Amino acid sequence: MKKILLCSLALFAGASHATNGINLIGFGAESTLMAGADIAVARDTSALNTNPAGLTQIHNKHFDTYGSLLRITDLSHEDQFGNDRHASNLYTGLGGMGYAQKLETIACTVGAGLFAQGGSGGVFENLNTAFGTQDDYSGLFAVGKLTGGIGCEVNNKWSVGGSFGLVYAQAEQKIFADTSAPPTFAGIEIEDASSLRTSFKLGIQYRATP
């Protein structure tokens, strides 16, 4: 009875909305169209950033480059001071590239790539403030990744791989930076906050059929 009730409730489920947070759903055309499900397939140089074991599906020399243009559709700010504004930064460009080459002496493929890893943020201009002024509010950050990796065939079914990357992140924020109401408020402006860190990824791929 409980199972029947749960199934009945599922029929009346409402709409849901989801996001991948600061990370992109995919890297490259095939990866994006598969909504990230290419982790199991991973057969171009974007495998460096998803599943490095997939590099073994590259059997010669391979170069990929891609670009994306994102448009913000629903990012707005509304408050008690009469503001009802959509973010002014409507478009964001993203891209990446990679090169991979199969080694002649062993059953391995090596590669290197540069990827826009993710990012987020919005810019709201000329907002009415609580102090009777108009000022800007924004928060933006971006993450890029330079990575190199190798994938090796264990046999005709199994492959393993690994990649090592340098990840660079940059952020900036403005909270009514040109507004000051001493002694209670002083605007905030943060520029060129950045960080450089290392990352690694290990992958396994099993080919059930040719």
Protein backbone atom coordinates (compact mmCIF):
# COMPACT_ATOMS: atom_id res chain seq x y z
CA MET A 1 0.00 0.00 0.00
CA LYS A 2 2.83 2.37 0.87
CA LYS A 3 4.48 1.77 -2.53
CA ILE A 4 1.22 2.45 -4.36
CA LEU A 5 0.79 5.71 -2.43
CA LEU A 6 4.33 6.85 -3.24
CA CYS A 7 3.88 6.06 -6.92
CA SER A 8 0.60 7.97 -6.94
CA LEU A 9 2.24 11.02 -5.36
CA ALA A 10 5.01 10.90 -7.97
CA LEU A 11 2.40 11.36 -10.70
CA PHE A 12 1.51 14.76 -9.25
CA ALA A 13 5.07 16.03 -8.79
CA GLY A 14 5.49 19.71 -9.58
CA ALA A 15 8.15 21.41 -11.64
CA SER A 16 11.68 21.43 -10.25
CA HIS A 17 14.67 23.63 -11.04
CA ALA A 18 18.30 22.71 -10.53
CA THR A 19 21.75 24.13 -11.04
CA ASN A 20 25.25 22.74 -11.07
CA GLY A 21 26.45 25.55 -8.85
CA ILE A 22 29.74 27.11 -9.88
CA ASN A 23 30.71 24.11 -12.03
CA LEU A 24 29.77 23.75 -15.68
CA ILE A 25 27.56 20.83 -16.69
CA GLY A 26 30.00 19.79 -19.40
CA PHE A 27 33.21 20.73 -21.22
CA GLY A 28 33.03 20.77 -25.01
CA ALA A 29 30.09 20.22 -27.35
CA GLU A 30 29.53 16.49 -26.76
CA SER A 31 30.05 16.76 -23.00
CA THR A 32 27.57 19.64 -22.69
CA LEU A 33 24.92 17.99 -24.86
CA MET A 34 25.19 14.86 -22.69
CA ALA A 35 24.77 17.02 -19.54
CA GLY A 36 27.99 15.62 -18.09
CA ALA A 37 27.09 11.96 -18.69
CA ASP A 38 30.21 11.71 -20.86
CA ILE A 39 32.21 10.72 -17.77
CA ALA A 40 31.50 7.15 -18.82
CA VAL A 41 32.15 7.83 -22.52
CA ALA A 42 34.94 10.48 -22.40
CA ARG A 43 36.52 10.14 -25.83
CA ASP A 44 38.05 13.52 -26.64
CA THR A 45 40.53 15.81 -24.89
CA SER A 46 37.85 17.00 -22.42
CA ALA A 47 38.50 13.62 -20.77
CA LEU A 48 41.39 15.42 -19.05
CA ASN A 49 38.78 17.31 -17.06
CA THR A 50 36.13 14.61 -16.68
CA ASN A 51 37.61 11.10 -16.75
CA PRO A 52 41.29 10.89 -17.81
CA ALA A 53 40.96 7.15 -18.44
CA GLY A 54 38.96 8.11 -21.53
CA LEU A 55 42.14 9.44 -23.17
CA THR A 56 42.84 5.87 -24.29
CA GLN A 57 40.05 6.21 -26.86
CA ILE A 58 42.28 8.69 -28.74
CA HIS A 59 44.42 6.57 -31.04
CA ASN A 60 46.49 9.24 -32.82
CA LYS A 61 46.86 13.02 -32.41
CA HIS A 62 43.82 15.02 -31.39
CA PHE A 63 43.20 18.74 -30.84
CA ASP A 64 39.91 20.21 -29.58
CA THR A 65 38.76 23.75 -28.98
CA TYR A 66 35.32 25.01 -28.03
CA GLY A 67 33.50 28.13 -26.96
CA SER A 68 30.18 28.87 -25.31
CA LEU A 69 28.09 31.98 -24.79
CA LEU A 70 25.79 31.93 -21.77
CA ARG A 71 22.89 34.31 -21.25
CA ILE A 72 21.47 35.05 -17.81
CA THR A 73 17.71 34.59 -17.95
CA ASP A 74 16.46 35.01 -14.38
CA LEU A 75 18.77 36.88 -12.02
CA SER A 76 17.05 39.86 -10.44
CA HIS A 77 16.98 41.96 -7.28
CA GLU A 78 13.91 43.45 -5.62
CA ASP A 79 13.66 45.17 -2.22
CA GLN A 80 11.76 47.69 -0.10
CA PHE A 81 13.67 50.66 -1.55
CA GLY A 82 11.91 50.48 -4.91
CA ASN A 83 14.49 48.36 -6.66
CA ASP A 84 13.37 45.78 -9.19
CA ARG A 85 16.34 45.21 -11.46
CA HIS A 86 17.62 42.42 -13.64
CA ALA A 87 21.36 41.77 -13.59
CA SER A 88 23.11 43.91 -16.19
CA ASN A 89 25.81 41.35 -17.06
CA LEU A 90 23.61 39.35 -19.42
CA TYR A 91 26.29 37.43 -21.31
CA THR A 92 29.27 35.34 -20.25
CA GLY A 93 31.80 33.75 -22.58
CA LEU A 94 33.43 30.41 -21.79
CA GLY A 95 35.85 28.17 -23.60
CA GLY A 96 38.62 25.63 -23.53
CA MET A 97 41.07 23.61 -25.56
CA GLY A 98 43.07 20.42 -25.35
CA TYR A 99 45.66 18.34 -27.16
CA ALA A 100 46.31 14.61 -26.79
CA GLN A 101 48.64 12.13 -28.49
CA LYS A 102 48.97 8.37 -28.27
CA LEU A 103 52.42 7.14 -27.29
CA GLU A 104 54.13 4.75 -29.69
CA THR A 105 55.94 2.53 -27.21
CA ILE A 106 53.20 1.83 -24.65
CA ALA A 107 49.38 1.66 -24.71
CA CYS A 108 48.98 5.13 -23.22
CA THR A 109 47.79 8.53 -24.39
CA VAL A 110 49.02 11.80 -22.90
CA GLY A 111 47.42 15.22 -23.12
CA ALA A 112 47.20 18.77 -21.85
CA GLY A 113 44.31 21.20 -21.72
CA LEU A 114 43.08 24.60 -20.62
CA PHE A 115 39.49 24.84 -19.40
CA ALA A 116 37.13 27.46 -18.05
CA GLN A 117 36.19 25.46 -14.97
CA GLY A 118 33.27 27.56 -13.77
CA GLY A 119 32.15 30.79 -12.23
CA SER A 120 29.14 32.82 -11.24
CA GLY A 121 27.91 36.23 -10.21
CA GLY A 122 25.76 39.21 -11.03
CA VAL A 123 26.03 42.98 -11.43
CA PHE A 124 23.21 45.30 -10.36
CA GLU A 125 23.70 48.94 -11.29
CA ASN A 126 22.19 52.12 -9.85
CA LEU A 127 20.27 50.54 -6.99
CA ASN A 128 18.47 52.77 -4.51
CA THR A 129 20.14 52.44 -1.11
CA ALA A 130 18.85 52.93 2.41
CA PHE A 131 20.90 56.14 2.59
CA GLY A 132 19.14 57.98 -0.22
CA THR A 133 21.84 57.34 -2.82
CA GLN A 134 22.13 55.18 -5.92
CA ASP A 135 25.00 52.73 -6.12
CA ASP A 136 26.11 49.40 -7.54
CA TYR A 137 26.09 45.93 -6.05
CA SER A 138 28.05 43.09 -7.64
CA GLY A 139 29.76 39.81 -6.92
CA LEU A 140 31.74 37.98 -9.60
CA PHE A 141 34.22 35.14 -9.69
CA ALA A 142 35.77 32.85 -12.28
CA VAL A 143 37.76 29.62 -12.16
CA GLY A 144 40.20 28.37 -14.81
CA LYS A 145 42.20 25.16 -14.96
CA LEU A 146 45.42 24.15 -16.72
CA THR A 147 45.81 20.40 -16.63
CA GLY A 148 47.93 17.56 -17.98
CA GLY A 149 47.19 13.86 -17.83
CA ILE A 150 47.70 10.32 -19.04
CA GLY A 151 45.40 7.40 -19.75
CA CYS A 152 46.59 3.80 -20.16
CA GLU A 153 44.90 0.62 -21.36
CA VAL A 154 45.16 -2.26 -18.90
CA ASN A 155 43.52 -4.61 -21.42
CA ASN A 156 40.84 -4.36 -24.11
CA LYS A 157 38.18 -3.77 -21.45
CA TRP A 158 39.78 -1.65 -18.74
CA SER A 159 41.55 1.69 -18.82
CA VAL A 160 42.93 3.84 -16.02
CA GLY A 161 44.06 7.43 -16.02
CA GLY A 162 45.05 10.43 -13.99
CA SER A 163 45.42 14.17 -14.42
CA PHE A 164 47.13 16.92 -12.46
CA GLY A 165 46.02 20.53 -12.69
CA LEU A 166 46.68 24.09 -11.64
CA VAL A 167 43.44 25.84 -10.71
CA TYR A 168 43.26 29.63 -10.68
CA ALA A 169 40.33 31.49 -9.15
CA GLN A 170 39.64 35.22 -9.13
CA ALA A 171 36.86 37.18 -7.43
CA GLU A 172 35.67 40.74 -7.00
CA GLN A 173 32.81 42.30 -5.08
CA LYS A 174 31.21 45.70 -4.66
CA ILE A 175 28.65 46.57 -2.00
CA PHE A 176 27.70 50.22 -2.52
CA ALA A 177 31.40 51.15 -2.78
CA ASP A 178 30.67 54.82 -3.51
CA THR A 179 28.27 55.24 -0.58
CA SER A 180 29.35 56.25 2.90
CA ALA A 181 27.13 57.07 5.87
CA PRO A 182 29.41 57.50 8.91
CA PRO A 183 29.56 56.08 11.43
CA THR A 184 27.16 53.27 10.51
CA PHE A 185 28.11 52.31 6.97
CA ALA A 186 31.06 52.37 4.61
CA GLY A 187 30.94 50.81 1.18
CA ILE A 188 32.93 47.70 0.38
CA GLU A 189 35.06 47.06 -2.69
CA ILE A 190 37.17 43.94 -3.17
CA GLU A 191 39.30 43.65 -6.30
CA ASP A 192 41.75 41.06 -7.61
CA ALA A 193 41.18 38.52 -4.85
CA SER A 194 42.78 35.39 -6.29
CA SER A 195 44.11 31.95 -5.47
CA LEU A 196 46.25 29.32 -7.21
CA ARG A 197 45.96 25.72 -6.10
CA THR A 198 46.72 22.23 -7.40
CA SER A 199 44.22 19.48 -8.14
CA PHE A 200 44.26 15.90 -9.33
CA LYS A 201 41.76 13.46 -10.77
CA LEU A 202 41.87 9.66 -11.11
CA GLY A 203 39.63 7.75 -13.49
CA ILE A 204 38.65 4.22 -14.49
CA GLN A 205 36.79 3.23 -17.63
CA TYR A 206 35.27 -0.16 -18.47
CA ARG A 207 34.15 -0.95 -22.01
CA ALA A 208 31.30 -3.44 -21.76
CA THR A 209 31.04 -3.80 -25.57
CA PRO A 210 33.02 -2.50 -28.56
